[in-house]
Amino acid sequence: MCHKKQNYIFWIIVLLFLLALAGCSPAVSKKALPYMKNEKTYLGLRDVEGHEIKNLPQPRRIVSLTIRSDEILMELAEEGTVIALSKWADDPVASNISEAAKQIPLRALPSEEMILGMKPDLVVASQSQPYDLIYRLRSLGIPVYVCPLAHNVKDTEKLILEFGKLLRREQKAKEMVDRMEEVIRSYAEKISKIPEEEKVTVYRFTVSGGNGGKNTYYDDICNKAGVKNAAAQMVFRGTQLLPKEQVLQMNPDVIFLPTWDWSGKLDLEAYKRDIIEDPALQTVKAIKNKRLYVIPDTHMLCSSQYMVECIRDIYEACYGENGRHIN
């Protein structure tokens, strides 16, 4: 009898536990929905529910988590308001502000605890960074601005102007955009004199395998530099990093080689030699004519205001006498 009573009590406890768990489940699921599934709008300046934040007080403690925002904010923001930059800011091979960055000693990693310890009143992140971090920071009441990825120069100009409004630095932002447009106009005038049939076809090798295909900001830069981007005409298959057959088919006049390995594990000089000496590529015009150039990845991989410097770099390499030639 006693044994039956114990079993009865045990199953009642189990049933109550299951009912309690079922009762809590919908609330937990609903609360976790934007965190788990990322179904709410989160780009721009938004709260945890995805609603746009308006009339934010002028930020005085800004933490930047990306090299793109590092470069924009270091020129745009009022002195002393940016308190931390990304870990890439000091790398002269990746950053256009490595010297200026020395003024700001703190470096921010995408870590909730580290960022909270800095007591920011604005965090600037990228669309490519983990959404769970952004969601947690917003849940704690910290304004987070998430930059959309750039697909062309106009995207970056728009971002600069939006930062200008947010930081109450509209005039400074306009000046930055005007300088970018001046570079574009100056090369557009030169490009207008080049017949279409004489425009150079280029192909870019990168350590990451990203070749800057159609609808990328690199493709936009190529158009503005007066060259034809071979990658924009290629068909990529799966995760193929080096589509040699398609490089042979496009037969570029010029090849660009990288200057930066983000992992720090690759021998770049050996990587370049492998490309130059690859038996499969010896019939490519760029290899035959030794038209391989190194353009700094500070410009080539840049999506801040410095991206227009890549227009200058590509034009001079292909049509001028200032390209850094690889023998």
C-alpha atoms as a PDB file:
ATOM      1  CA  MET A   1       0.000   0.000   0.000  1.00  0.00           C
ATOM      2  CA  CYS A   2       2.805   2.331   0.960  1.00  0.00           C
ATOM      3  CA  HIS A   3       4.629   1.491  -2.278  1.00  0.00           C
ATOM      4  CA  LYS A   4       1.532   2.324  -4.375  1.00  0.00           C
ATOM      5  CA  LYS A   5       1.143   5.642  -2.549  1.00  0.00           C
ATOM      6  CA  GLN A   6       4.773   6.574  -3.302  1.00  0.00           C
ATOM      7  CA  ASN A   7       4.302   5.792  -6.987  1.00  0.00           C
ATOM      8  CA  TYR A   8       1.138   7.870  -7.039  1.00  0.00           C
ATOM      9  CA  ILE A   9       2.908  10.868  -5.492  1.00  0.00           C
ATOM     10  CA  PHE A  10       5.869  10.461  -7.901  1.00  0.00           C
ATOM     11  CA  TRP A  11       3.643  10.559 -11.004  1.00  0.00           C
ATOM     12  CA  ILE A  12       1.708  13.560  -9.660  1.00  0.00           C
ATOM     13  CA  ILE A  13       5.006  15.442  -9.229  1.00  0.00           C
ATOM     14  CA  VAL A  14       6.109  14.494 -12.754  1.00  0.00           C
ATOM     15  CA  LEU A  15       2.755  15.623 -14.189  1.00  0.00           C
ATOM     16  CA  LEU A  16       2.883  18.951 -12.347  1.00  0.00           C
ATOM     17  CA  PHE A  17       6.441  19.520 -13.595  1.00  0.00           C
ATOM     18  CA  LEU A  18       5.424  18.838 -17.199  1.00  0.00           C
ATOM     19  CA  LEU A  19       2.420  21.145 -16.927  1.00  0.00           C
ATOM     20  CA  ALA A  20       4.590  23.895 -15.477  1.00  0.00           C
ATOM     21  CA  LEU A  21       7.130  23.442 -18.263  1.00  0.00           C
ATOM     22  CA  ALA A  22       4.410  23.544 -20.913  1.00  0.00           C
ATOM     23  CA  GLY A  23       2.956  26.656 -19.353  1.00  0.00           C
ATOM     24  CA  CYS A  24       6.307  28.483 -19.462  1.00  0.00           C
ATOM     25  CA  SER A  25       7.239  27.318 -22.934  1.00  0.00           C
ATOM     26  CA  PRO A  26       5.202  29.782 -25.051  1.00  0.00           C
ATOM     27  CA  ALA A  27       6.479  32.811 -23.117  1.00  0.00           C
ATOM     28  CA  VAL A  28      10.113  31.730 -23.372  1.00  0.00           C
ATOM     29  CA  SER A  29       9.735  30.945 -27.064  1.00  0.00           C
ATOM     30  CA  LYS A  30       8.090  34.289 -27.778  1.00  0.00           C
ATOM     31  CA  LYS A  31      10.770  36.201 -25.908  1.00  0.00           C
ATOM     32  CA  ALA A  32      13.587  34.268 -27.597  1.00  0.00           C
ATOM     33  CA  LEU A  33      12.116  34.547 -31.087  1.00  0.00           C
ATOM     34  CA  PRO A  34      14.103  37.573 -32.364  1.00  0.00           C
ATOM     35  CA  TYR A  35      17.229  36.210 -30.695  1.00  0.00           C
ATOM     36  CA  MET A  36      16.958  32.714 -32.132  1.00  0.00           C
ATOM     37  CA  LYS A  37      15.432  33.314 -35.549  1.00  0.00           C
ATOM     38  CA  ASN A  38      16.437  36.908 -36.270  1.00  0.00           C
ATOM     39  CA  GLU A  39      12.992  37.652 -37.711  1.00  0.00           C
ATOM     40  CA  LYS A  40      12.855  41.295 -36.653  1.00  0.00           C
ATOM     41  CA  THR A  41      14.489  44.220 -38.444  1.00  0.00           C
ATOM     42  CA  TYR A  42      17.796  44.942 -36.760  1.00  0.00           C
ATOM     43  CA  LEU A  43      19.860  47.054 -39.160  1.00  0.00           C
ATOM     44  CA  GLY A  44      20.337  50.703 -38.276  1.00  0.00           C
ATOM     45  CA  LEU A  45      19.654  52.085 -34.797  1.00  0.00           C
ATOM     46  CA  ARG A  46      16.972  49.944 -33.156  1.00  0.00           C
ATOM     47  CA  ASP A  47      15.738  48.688 -29.808  1.00  0.00           C
ATOM     48  CA  VAL A  48      15.412  45.047 -28.819  1.00  0.00           C
ATOM     49  CA  GLU A  49      11.964  44.844 -30.448  1.00  0.00           C
ATOM     50  CA  GLY A  50      13.297  46.085 -33.769  1.00  0.00           C
ATOM     51  CA  HIS A  51      11.757  49.563 -33.450  1.00  0.00           C
ATOM     52  CA  GLU A  52      13.795  52.475 -34.766  1.00  0.00           C
ATOM     53  CA  ILE A  53      15.305  54.682 -32.058  1.00  0.00           C
ATOM     54  CA  LYS A  54      14.814  58.377 -32.735  1.00  0.00           C
ATOM     55  CA  ASN A  55      16.111  61.465 -30.946  1.00  0.00           C
ATOM     56  CA  LEU A  56      18.995  59.636 -29.307  1.00  0.00           C
ATOM     57  CA  PRO A  57      21.086  62.016 -27.156  1.00  0.00           C
ATOM     58  CA  GLN A  58      24.381  62.940 -28.815  1.00  0.00           C
ATOM     59  CA  PRO A  59      26.703  59.970 -28.156  1.00  0.00           C
ATOM     60  CA  ARG A  60      29.747  60.658 -26.008  1.00  0.00           C
ATOM     61  CA  ARG A  61      31.065  57.136 -25.407  1.00  0.00           C
ATOM     62  CA  ILE A  62      31.132  55.331 -28.765  1.00  0.00           C
ATOM     63  CA  VAL A  63      32.453  51.784 -29.148  1.00  0.00           C
ATOM     64  CA  SER A  64      33.265  50.642 -32.705  1.00  0.00           C
ATOM     65  CA  LEU A  65      33.412  46.907 -33.472  1.00  0.00           C
ATOM     66  CA  THR A  66      34.410  47.024 -37.166  1.00  0.00           C
ATOM     67  CA  ILE A  67      37.284  48.444 -39.179  1.00  0.00           C
ATOM     68  CA  ARG A  68      34.764  50.146 -41.469  1.00  0.00           C
ATOM     69  CA  SER A  69      33.175  52.118 -38.638  1.00  0.00           C
ATOM     70  CA  ASP A  70      36.620  52.706 -37.066  1.00  0.00           C
ATOM     71  CA  GLU A  71      37.735  54.548 -40.183  1.00  0.00           C
ATOM     72  CA  ILE A  72      34.551  56.555 -40.614  1.00  0.00           C
ATOM     73  CA  LEU A  73      34.192  57.543 -36.957  1.00  0.00           C
ATOM     74  CA  MET A  74      37.829  58.532 -36.512  1.00  0.00           C
ATOM     75  CA  GLU A  75      37.334  61.221 -39.133  1.00  0.00           C
ATOM     76  CA  LEU A  76      33.709  62.095 -38.478  1.00  0.00           C
ATOM     77  CA  ALA A  77      33.155  61.945 -34.716  1.00  0.00           C
ATOM     78  CA  GLU A  78      33.987  64.757 -32.342  1.00  0.00           C
ATOM     79  CA  GLU A  79      37.375  64.253 -30.692  1.00  0.00           C
ATOM     80  CA  GLY A  80      37.187  62.246 -27.485  1.00  0.00           C
ATOM     81  CA  THR A  81      33.798  60.650 -28.181  1.00  0.00           C
ATOM     82  CA  VAL A  82      35.118  57.387 -29.651  1.00  0.00           C
ATOM     83  CA  ILE A  83      36.422  55.396 -26.668  1.00  0.00           C
ATOM     84  CA  ALA A  84      37.211  52.039 -28.324  1.00  0.00           C
ATOM     85  CA  LEU A  85      38.048  50.713 -31.785  1.00  0.00           C
ATOM     86  CA  SER A  86      38.086  47.223 -33.299  1.00  0.00           C
ATOM     87  CA  LYS A  87      41.091  44.916 -33.033  1.00  0.00           C
ATOM     88  CA  TRP A  88      41.979  45.604 -36.689  1.00  0.00           C
ATOM     89  CA  ALA A  89      42.465  49.350 -36.206  1.00  0.00           C
ATOM     90  CA  ASP A  90      46.197  49.041 -35.403  1.00  0.00           C
ATOM     91  CA  ASP A  91      47.147  46.781 -38.303  1.00  0.00           C
ATOM     92  CA  PRO A  92      48.812  48.959 -40.977  1.00  0.00           C
ATOM     93  CA  VAL A  93      48.210  46.273 -43.605  1.00  0.00           C
ATOM     94  CA  ALA A  94      44.452  46.289 -42.964  1.00  0.00           C
ATOM     95  CA  SER A  95      43.712  49.718 -41.505  1.00  0.00           C
ATOM     96  CA  ASN A  96      43.844  53.182 -43.055  1.00  0.00           C
ATOM     97  CA  ILE A  97      43.964  54.737 -39.572  1.00  0.00           C
ATOM     98  CA  SER A  98      46.688  52.705 -37.850  1.00  0.00           C
ATOM     99  CA  GLU A  99      48.591  55.849 -36.832  1.00  0.00           C
ATOM    100  CA  ALA A 100      45.551  57.872 -35.770  1.00  0.00           C
ATOM    101  CA  ALA A 101      44.251  54.867 -33.816  1.00  0.00           C
ATOM    102  CA  LYS A 102      47.133  55.237 -31.361  1.00  0.00           C
ATOM    103  CA  GLN A 103      45.192  58.121 -29.802  1.00  0.00           C
ATOM    104  CA  ILE A 104      42.586  55.638 -28.549  1.00  0.00           C
ATOM    105  CA  PRO A 105      44.070  52.912 -26.318  1.00  0.00           C
ATOM    106  CA  LEU A 106      41.008  50.671 -25.899  1.00  0.00           C
ATOM    107  CA  ARG A 107      40.160  47.840 -28.327  1.00  0.00           C
ATOM    108  CA  ALA A 108      36.722  46.244 -28.333  1.00  0.00           C
ATOM    109  CA  LEU A 109      36.117  42.575 -29.054  1.00  0.00           C
ATOM    110  CA  PRO A 110      32.613  41.282 -29.833  1.00  0.00           C
ATOM    111  CA  SER A 111      32.168  40.297 -26.189  1.00  0.00           C
ATOM    112  CA  GLU A 112      29.157  41.343 -24.124  1.00  0.00           C
ATOM    113  CA  GLU A 113      31.144  41.552 -20.874  1.00  0.00           C
ATOM    114  CA  MET A 114      33.964  43.618 -22.370  1.00  0.00           C
ATOM    115  CA  ILE A 115      31.605  46.061 -24.064  1.00  0.00           C
ATOM    116  CA  LEU A 116      29.474  46.512 -20.936  1.00  0.00           C
ATOM    117  CA  GLY A 117      32.609  47.312 -18.948  1.00  0.00           C
ATOM    118  CA  MET A 118      33.277  50.268 -21.257  1.00  0.00           C
ATOM    119  CA  LYS A 119      29.883  51.823 -20.389  1.00  0.00           C
ATOM    120  CA  PRO A 120      29.119  52.937 -23.961  1.00  0.00           C
ATOM    121  CA  ASP A 121      26.180  55.112 -24.945  1.00  0.00           C
ATOM    122  CA  LEU A 122      26.457  53.831 -28.543  1.00  0.00           C
ATOM    123  CA  VAL A 123      27.898  50.651 -30.039  1.00  0.00           C
ATOM    124  CA  VAL A 124      28.511  50.456 -33.790  1.00  0.00           C
ATOM    125  CA  ALA A 125      28.503  46.934 -35.239  1.00  0.00           C
ATOM    126  CA  SER A 126      28.348  45.275 -38.644  1.00  0.00           C
ATOM    127  CA  GLN A 127      25.660  43.166 -40.277  1.00  0.00           C
ATOM    128  CA  SER A 128      28.230  40.380 -40.500  1.00  0.00           C
ATOM    129  CA  GLN A 129      28.633  40.165 -36.714  1.00  0.00           C
ATOM    130  CA  PRO A 130      26.636  37.710 -34.554  1.00  0.00           C
ATOM    131  CA  TYR A 131      23.051  38.802 -34.074  1.00  0.00           C
ATOM    132  CA  ASP A 132      22.893  37.247 -30.616  1.00  0.00           C
ATOM    133  CA  LEU A 133      25.478  39.761 -29.336  1.00  0.00           C
ATOM    134  CA  ILE A 134      23.495  42.666 -30.800  1.00  0.00           C
ATOM    135  CA  TYR A 135      20.275  41.333 -29.310  1.00  0.00           C
ATOM    136  CA  ARG A 136      21.798  40.939 -25.842  1.00  0.00           C
ATOM    137  CA  LEU A 137      23.297  44.440 -25.858  1.00  0.00           C
ATOM    138  CA  ARG A 138      19.984  45.954 -26.935  1.00  0.00           C
ATOM    139  CA  SER A 139      18.204  43.898 -24.263  1.00  0.00           C
ATOM    140  CA  LEU A 140      20.403  45.678 -21.710  1.00  0.00           C
ATOM    141  CA  GLY A 141      19.339  49.070 -23.020  1.00  0.00           C
ATOM    142  CA  ILE A 142      22.515  49.897 -24.972  1.00  0.00           C
ATOM    143  CA  PRO A 143      21.838  51.610 -28.325  1.00  0.00           C
ATOM    144  CA  VAL A 144      23.430  49.551 -31.107  1.00  0.00           C
ATOM    145  CA  TYR A 145      23.780  50.808 -34.668  1.00  0.00           C
ATOM    146  CA  VAL A 146      24.220  47.905 -37.127  1.00  0.00           C
ATOM    147  CA  CYS A 147      25.818  48.931 -40.428  1.00  0.00           C
ATOM    148  CA  PRO A 148      24.468  47.175 -43.519  1.00  0.00           C
ATOM    149  CA  LEU A 149      27.037  45.646 -45.841  1.00  0.00           C
ATOM    150  CA  ALA A 150      28.180  47.879 -48.684  1.00  0.00           C
ATOM    151  CA  HIS A 151      27.303  46.833 -52.233  1.00  0.00           C
ATOM    152  CA  ASN A 152      28.579  50.029 -53.869  1.00  0.00           C
ATOM    153  CA  VAL A 153      30.145  53.396 -53.093  1.00  0.00           C
ATOM    154  CA  LYS A 154      26.734  55.037 -52.651  1.00  0.00           C
ATOM    155  CA  ASP A 155      25.977  52.667 -49.770  1.00  0.00           C
ATOM    156  CA  THR A 156      29.003  53.961 -47.887  1.00  0.00           C
ATOM    157  CA  GLU A 157      28.203  57.585 -48.687  1.00  0.00           C
ATOM    158  CA  LYS A 158      24.694  57.031 -47.342  1.00  0.00           C
ATOM    159  CA  LEU A 159      26.095  55.478 -44.167  1.00  0.00           C
ATOM    160  CA  ILE A 160      28.435  58.430 -43.586  1.00  0.00           C
ATOM    161  CA  LEU A 161      25.558  60.887 -43.949  1.00  0.00           C
ATOM    162  CA  GLU A 162      23.445  58.841 -41.546  1.00  0.00           C
ATOM    163  CA  PHE A 163      26.276  58.807 -39.007  1.00  0.00           C
ATOM    164  CA  GLY A 164      26.512  62.570 -39.498  1.00  0.00           C
ATOM    165  CA  LYS A 165      22.895  62.985 -38.376  1.00  0.00           C
ATOM    166  CA  LEU A 166      23.312  60.588 -35.465  1.00  0.00           C
ATOM    167  CA  LEU A 167      26.438  62.347 -34.175  1.00  0.00           C
ATOM    168  CA  ARG A 168      25.166  65.883 -34.970  1.00  0.00           C
ATOM    169  CA  ARG A 169      28.042  66.246 -37.460  1.00  0.00           C
ATOM    170  CA  GLU A 170      26.082  66.708 -40.687  1.00  0.00           C
ATOM    171  CA  GLN A 171      28.442  69.258 -42.225  1.00  0.00           C
ATOM    172  CA  LYS A 172      31.515  67.128 -41.567  1.00  0.00           C
ATOM    173  CA  ALA A 173      29.764  64.099 -43.082  1.00  0.00           C
ATOM    174  CA  LYS A 174      28.854  66.099 -46.181  1.00  0.00           C
ATOM    175  CA  GLU A 175      32.480  67.179 -46.582  1.00  0.00           C
ATOM    176  CA  MET A 176      33.627  63.554 -46.423  1.00  0.00           C
ATOM    177  CA  VAL A 177      31.115  62.506 -49.083  1.00  0.00           C
ATOM    178  CA  ASP A 178      32.023  65.501 -51.262  1.00  0.00           C
ATOM    179  CA  ARG A 179      35.686  64.440 -51.222  1.00  0.00           C
ATOM    180  CA  MET A 180      34.708  60.929 -52.267  1.00  0.00           C
ATOM    181  CA  GLU A 181      32.633  62.298 -55.133  1.00  0.00           C
ATOM    182  CA  GLU A 182      35.501  64.538 -56.241  1.00  0.00           C
ATOM    183  CA  VAL A 183      37.784  61.497 -56.657  1.00  0.00           C
ATOM    184  CA  ILE A 184      35.058  59.703 -58.628  1.00  0.00           C
ATOM    185  CA  ARG A 185      34.490  62.725 -60.904  1.00  0.00           C
ATOM    186  CA  SER A 186      38.195  63.219 -61.570  1.00  0.00           C
ATOM    187  CA  TYR A 187      38.609  59.650 -62.820  1.00  0.00           C
ATOM    188  CA  ALA A 188      35.302  59.618 -64.684  1.00  0.00           C
ATOM    189  CA  GLU A 189      36.694  62.395 -66.844  1.00  0.00           C
ATOM    190  CA  LYS A 190      39.823  60.364 -67.652  1.00  0.00           C
ATOM    191  CA  ILE A 191      37.825  57.180 -68.272  1.00  0.00           C
ATOM    192  CA  SER A 192      35.524  58.945 -70.732  1.00  0.00           C
ATOM    193  CA  LYS A 193      38.505  59.206 -73.092  1.00  0.00           C
ATOM    194  CA  ILE A 194      39.198  55.446 -73.133  1.00  0.00           C
ATOM    195  CA  PRO A 195      37.446  53.545 -75.968  1.00  0.00           C
ATOM    196  CA  GLU A 196      35.375  50.606 -74.734  1.00  0.00           C
ATOM    197  CA  GLU A 197      37.456  48.092 -76.695  1.00  0.00           C
ATOM    198  CA  GLU A 198      40.634  49.356 -75.004  1.00  0.00           C
ATOM    199  CA  LYS A 199      39.383  48.952 -71.460  1.00  0.00           C
ATOM    200  CA  VAL A 200      41.431  46.513 -69.403  1.00  0.00           C
ATOM    201  CA  THR A 201      39.936  43.306 -67.986  1.00  0.00           C
ATOM    202  CA  VAL A 202      41.082  42.597 -64.420  1.00  0.00           C
ATOM    203  CA  TYR A 203      40.897  39.687 -62.013  1.00  0.00           C
ATOM    204  CA  ARG A 204      41.542  39.812 -58.253  1.00  0.00           C
ATOM    205  CA  PHE A 205      43.021  37.030 -56.150  1.00  0.00           C
ATOM    206  CA  THR A 206      42.367  37.187 -52.414  1.00  0.00           C
ATOM    207  CA  VAL A 207      43.442  35.036 -49.487  1.00  0.00           C
ATOM    208  CA  SER A 208      39.837  34.479 -48.445  1.00  0.00           C
ATOM    209  CA  GLY A 209      38.793  33.336 -51.907  1.00  0.00           C
ATOM    210  CA  GLY A 210      36.319  36.185 -52.374  1.00  0.00           C
ATOM    211  CA  ASN A 211      36.772  37.506 -55.888  1.00  0.00           C
ATOM    212  CA  GLY A 212      34.439  40.500 -55.875  1.00  0.00           C
ATOM    213  CA  GLY A 213      31.804  39.335 -58.327  1.00  0.00           C
ATOM    214  CA  LYS A 214      28.748  41.098 -59.668  1.00  0.00           C
ATOM    215  CA  ASN A 215      26.884  43.534 -57.381  1.00  0.00           C
ATOM    216  CA  THR A 216      29.783  43.910 -54.943  1.00  0.00           C
ATOM    217  CA  TYR A 217      31.409  47.199 -54.003  1.00  0.00           C
ATOM    218  CA  TYR A 218      34.628  45.961 -55.649  1.00  0.00           C
ATOM    219  CA  ASP A 219      32.702  45.577 -58.913  1.00  0.00           C
ATOM    220  CA  ASP A 220      31.415  49.136 -58.497  1.00  0.00           C
ATOM    221  CA  ILE A 221      34.977  50.350 -57.881  1.00  0.00           C
ATOM    222  CA  CYS A 222      36.160  48.587 -61.049  1.00  0.00           C
ATOM    223  CA  ASN A 223      33.451  50.285 -63.103  1.00  0.00           C
ATOM    224  CA  LYS A 224      34.433  53.657 -61.680  1.00  0.00           C
ATOM    225  CA  ALA A 225      38.104  52.935 -62.422  1.00  0.00           C
ATOM    226  CA  GLY A 226      37.305  52.193 -66.072  1.00  0.00           C
ATOM    227  CA  VAL A 227      38.184  48.485 -66.030  1.00  0.00           C
ATOM    228  CA  LYS A 228      36.177  45.328 -66.679  1.00  0.00           C
ATOM    229  CA  ASN A 229      35.834  43.054 -63.655  1.00  0.00           C
ATOM    230  CA  ALA A 230      36.280  39.470 -64.877  1.00  0.00           C
ATOM    231  CA  ALA A 231      34.723  38.042 -61.701  1.00  0.00           C
ATOM    232  CA  ALA A 232      31.458  39.842 -62.449  1.00  0.00           C
ATOM    233  CA  GLN A 233      31.139  37.722 -65.587  1.00  0.00           C
ATOM    234  CA  MET A 234      32.014  34.410 -63.945  1.00  0.00           C
ATOM    235  CA  VAL A 235      29.719  31.679 -62.685  1.00  0.00           C
ATOM    236  CA  PHE A 236      30.901  30.433 -59.303  1.00  0.00           C
ATOM    237  CA  ARG A 237      30.187  26.884 -58.210  1.00  0.00           C
ATOM    238  CA  GLY A 238      29.814  25.997 -54.540  1.00  0.00           C
ATOM    239  CA  THR A 239      32.766  26.972 -52.355  1.00  0.00           C
ATOM    240  CA  GLN A 240      35.337  26.862 -55.123  1.00  0.00           C
ATOM    241  CA  LEU A 241      38.084  29.275 -54.080  1.00  0.00           C
ATOM    242  CA  LEU A 242      40.131  29.362 -57.259  1.00  0.00           C
ATOM    243  CA  PRO A 243      38.058  28.876 -60.425  1.00  0.00           C
ATOM    244  CA  LYS A 244      41.077  28.410 -62.731  1.00  0.00           C
ATOM    245  CA  GLU A 245      39.007  27.252 -65.674  1.00  0.00           C
ATOM    246  CA  GLN A 246      36.987  30.446 -65.591  1.00  0.00           C
ATOM    247  CA  VAL A 247      40.101  32.588 -65.144  1.00  0.00           C
ATOM    248  CA  LEU A 248      41.467  30.963 -68.279  1.00  0.00           C
ATOM    249  CA  GLN A 249      38.189  31.585 -70.071  1.00  0.00           C
ATOM    250  CA  MET A 250      38.048  35.280 -69.106  1.00  0.00           C
ATOM    251  CA  ASN A 251      41.787  35.669 -69.851  1.00  0.00           C
ATOM    252  CA  PRO A 252      42.288  38.915 -67.872  1.00  0.00           C
ATOM    253  CA  ASP A 253      44.795  41.533 -68.993  1.00  0.00           C
ATOM    254  CA  VAL A 254      45.709  42.317 -65.378  1.00  0.00           C
ATOM    255  CA  ILE A 255      45.770  40.335 -62.140  1.00  0.00           C
ATOM    256  CA  PHE A 256      45.713  41.931 -58.686  1.00  0.00           C
ATOM    257  CA  LEU A 257      47.469  40.161 -55.824  1.00  0.00           C
ATOM    258  CA  PRO A 258      46.726  40.536 -52.094  1.00  0.00           C
ATOM    259  CA  THR A 259      48.802  42.275 -49.415  1.00  0.00           C
ATOM    260  CA  TRP A 260      46.957  41.061 -46.310  1.00  0.00           C
ATOM    261  CA  ASP A 261      46.242  37.692 -44.742  1.00  0.00           C
ATOM    262  CA  TRP A 262      43.627  38.179 -42.025  1.00  0.00           C
ATOM    263  CA  SER A 263      44.539  34.852 -40.374  1.00  0.00           C
ATOM    264  CA  GLY A 264      48.250  35.644 -40.126  1.00  0.00           C
ATOM    265  CA  LYS A 265      49.046  32.036 -41.032  1.00  0.00           C
ATOM    266  CA  LEU A 266      49.743  32.277 -44.747  1.00  0.00           C
ATOM    267  CA  ASP A 267      53.057  32.963 -46.470  1.00  0.00           C
ATOM    268  CA  LEU A 268      51.857  35.677 -48.856  1.00  0.00           C
ATOM    269  CA  GLU A 269      55.011  35.647 -50.955  1.00  0.00           C
ATOM    270  CA  ALA A 270      54.671  31.902 -51.501  1.00  0.00           C
ATOM    271  CA  TYR A 271      50.973  32.392 -52.318  1.00  0.00           C
ATOM    272  CA  LYS A 272      51.861  34.963 -54.986  1.00  0.00           C
ATOM    273  CA  ARG A 273      54.592  32.737 -56.449  1.00  0.00           C
ATOM    274  CA  ASP A 274      52.158  29.838 -56.695  1.00  0.00           C
ATOM    275  CA  ILE A 275      49.836  31.992 -58.801  1.00  0.00           C
ATOM    276  CA  ILE A 276      52.583  33.385 -61.020  1.00  0.00           C
ATOM    277  CA  GLU A 277      54.185  29.969 -61.600  1.00  0.00           C
ATOM    278  CA  ASP A 278      50.981  27.923 -61.835  1.00  0.00           C
ATOM    279  CA  PRO A 279      51.321  25.859 -65.057  1.00  0.00           C
ATOM    280  CA  ALA A 280      47.556  26.033 -65.603  1.00  0.00           C
ATOM    281  CA  LEU A 281      47.643  29.840 -65.796  1.00  0.00           C
ATOM    282  CA  GLN A 282      50.611  30.395 -68.100  1.00  0.00           C
ATOM    283  CA  THR A 283      48.434  31.173 -71.134  1.00  0.00           C
ATOM    284  CA  VAL A 284      46.579  33.961 -69.297  1.00  0.00           C
ATOM    285  CA  LYS A 285      47.490  37.368 -70.762  1.00  0.00           C
ATOM    286  CA  ALA A 286      48.253  38.899 -67.362  1.00  0.00           C
ATOM    287  CA  ILE A 287      50.771  36.126 -66.633  1.00  0.00           C
ATOM    288  CA  LYS A 288      52.313  36.111 -70.110  1.00  0.00           C
ATOM    289  CA  ASN A 289      52.718  39.899 -70.147  1.00  0.00           C
ATOM    290  CA  LYS A 290      53.749  40.060 -66.473  1.00  0.00           C
ATOM    291  CA  ARG A 291      50.933  42.426 -65.642  1.00  0.00           C
ATOM    292  CA  LEU A 292      50.429  41.442 -62.029  1.00  0.00           C
ATOM    293  CA  TYR A 293      50.024  44.271 -59.556  1.00  0.00           C
ATOM    294  CA  VAL A 294      49.870  44.637 -55.815  1.00  0.00           C
ATOM    295  CA  ILE A 295      47.239  47.082 -54.624  1.00  0.00           C
ATOM    296  CA  PRO A 296      47.139  47.665 -50.851  1.00  0.00           C
ATOM    297  CA  ASP A 297      44.314  45.727 -49.249  1.00  0.00           C
ATOM    298  CA  THR A 298      43.782  48.771 -47.031  1.00  0.00           C
ATOM    299  CA  HIS A 299      42.079  50.132 -50.162  1.00  0.00           C
ATOM    300  CA  MET A 300      41.112  46.945 -52.014  1.00  0.00           C
ATOM    301  CA  LEU A 301      39.112  45.478 -49.108  1.00  0.00           C
ATOM    302  CA  CYS A 302      37.925  48.808 -47.755  1.00  0.00           C
ATOM    303  CA  SER A 303      34.276  49.862 -47.492  1.00  0.00           C
ATOM    304  CA  SER A 304      34.758  53.186 -45.699  1.00  0.00           C
ATOM    305  CA  GLN A 305      35.484  56.636 -47.172  1.00  0.00           C
ATOM    306  CA  TYR A 306      38.911  55.341 -48.211  1.00  0.00           C
ATOM    307  CA  MET A 307      37.368  52.944 -50.715  1.00  0.00           C
ATOM    308  CA  VAL A 308      37.583  55.572 -53.464  1.00  0.00           C
ATOM    309  CA  GLU A 309      41.376  55.422 -53.154  1.00  0.00           C
ATOM    310  CA  CYS A 310      41.055  52.011 -54.803  1.00  0.00           C
ATOM    311  CA  ILE A 311      39.667  53.756 -57.894  1.00  0.00           C
ATOM    312  CA  ARG A 312      42.904  55.705 -58.064  1.00  0.00           C
ATOM    313  CA  ASP A 313      44.997  52.581 -57.423  1.00  0.00           C
ATOM    314  CA  ILE A 314      43.302  50.468 -60.104  1.00  0.00           C
ATOM    315  CA  TYR A 315      43.302  53.212 -62.723  1.00  0.00           C
ATOM    316  CA  GLU A 316      46.996  54.003 -62.205  1.00  0.00           C
ATOM    317  CA  ALA A 317      47.949  50.299 -62.228  1.00  0.00           C
ATOM    318  CA  CYS A 318      46.074  49.612 -65.454  1.00  0.00           C
ATOM    319  CA  TYR A 319      46.490  52.852 -67.383  1.00  0.00           C
ATOM    320  CA  GLY A 320      49.198  54.826 -65.609  1.00  0.00           C
ATOM    321  CA  GLU A 321      52.797  54.275 -64.591  1.00  0.00           C
ATOM    322  CA  ASN A 322      52.350  54.024 -60.829  1.00  0.00           C
ATOM    323  CA  GLY A 323      51.244  50.412 -60.474  1.00  0.00           C
ATOM    324  CA  ARG A 324      53.356  48.166 -58.251  1.00  0.00           C
ATOM    325  CA  HIS A 325      54.487  45.601 -60.788  1.00  0.00           C
ATOM    326  CA  ILE A 326      55.342  41.993 -59.895  1.00  0.00           C
ATOM    327  CA  ASN A 327      58.170  40.590 -62.008  1.00  0.00           C
END
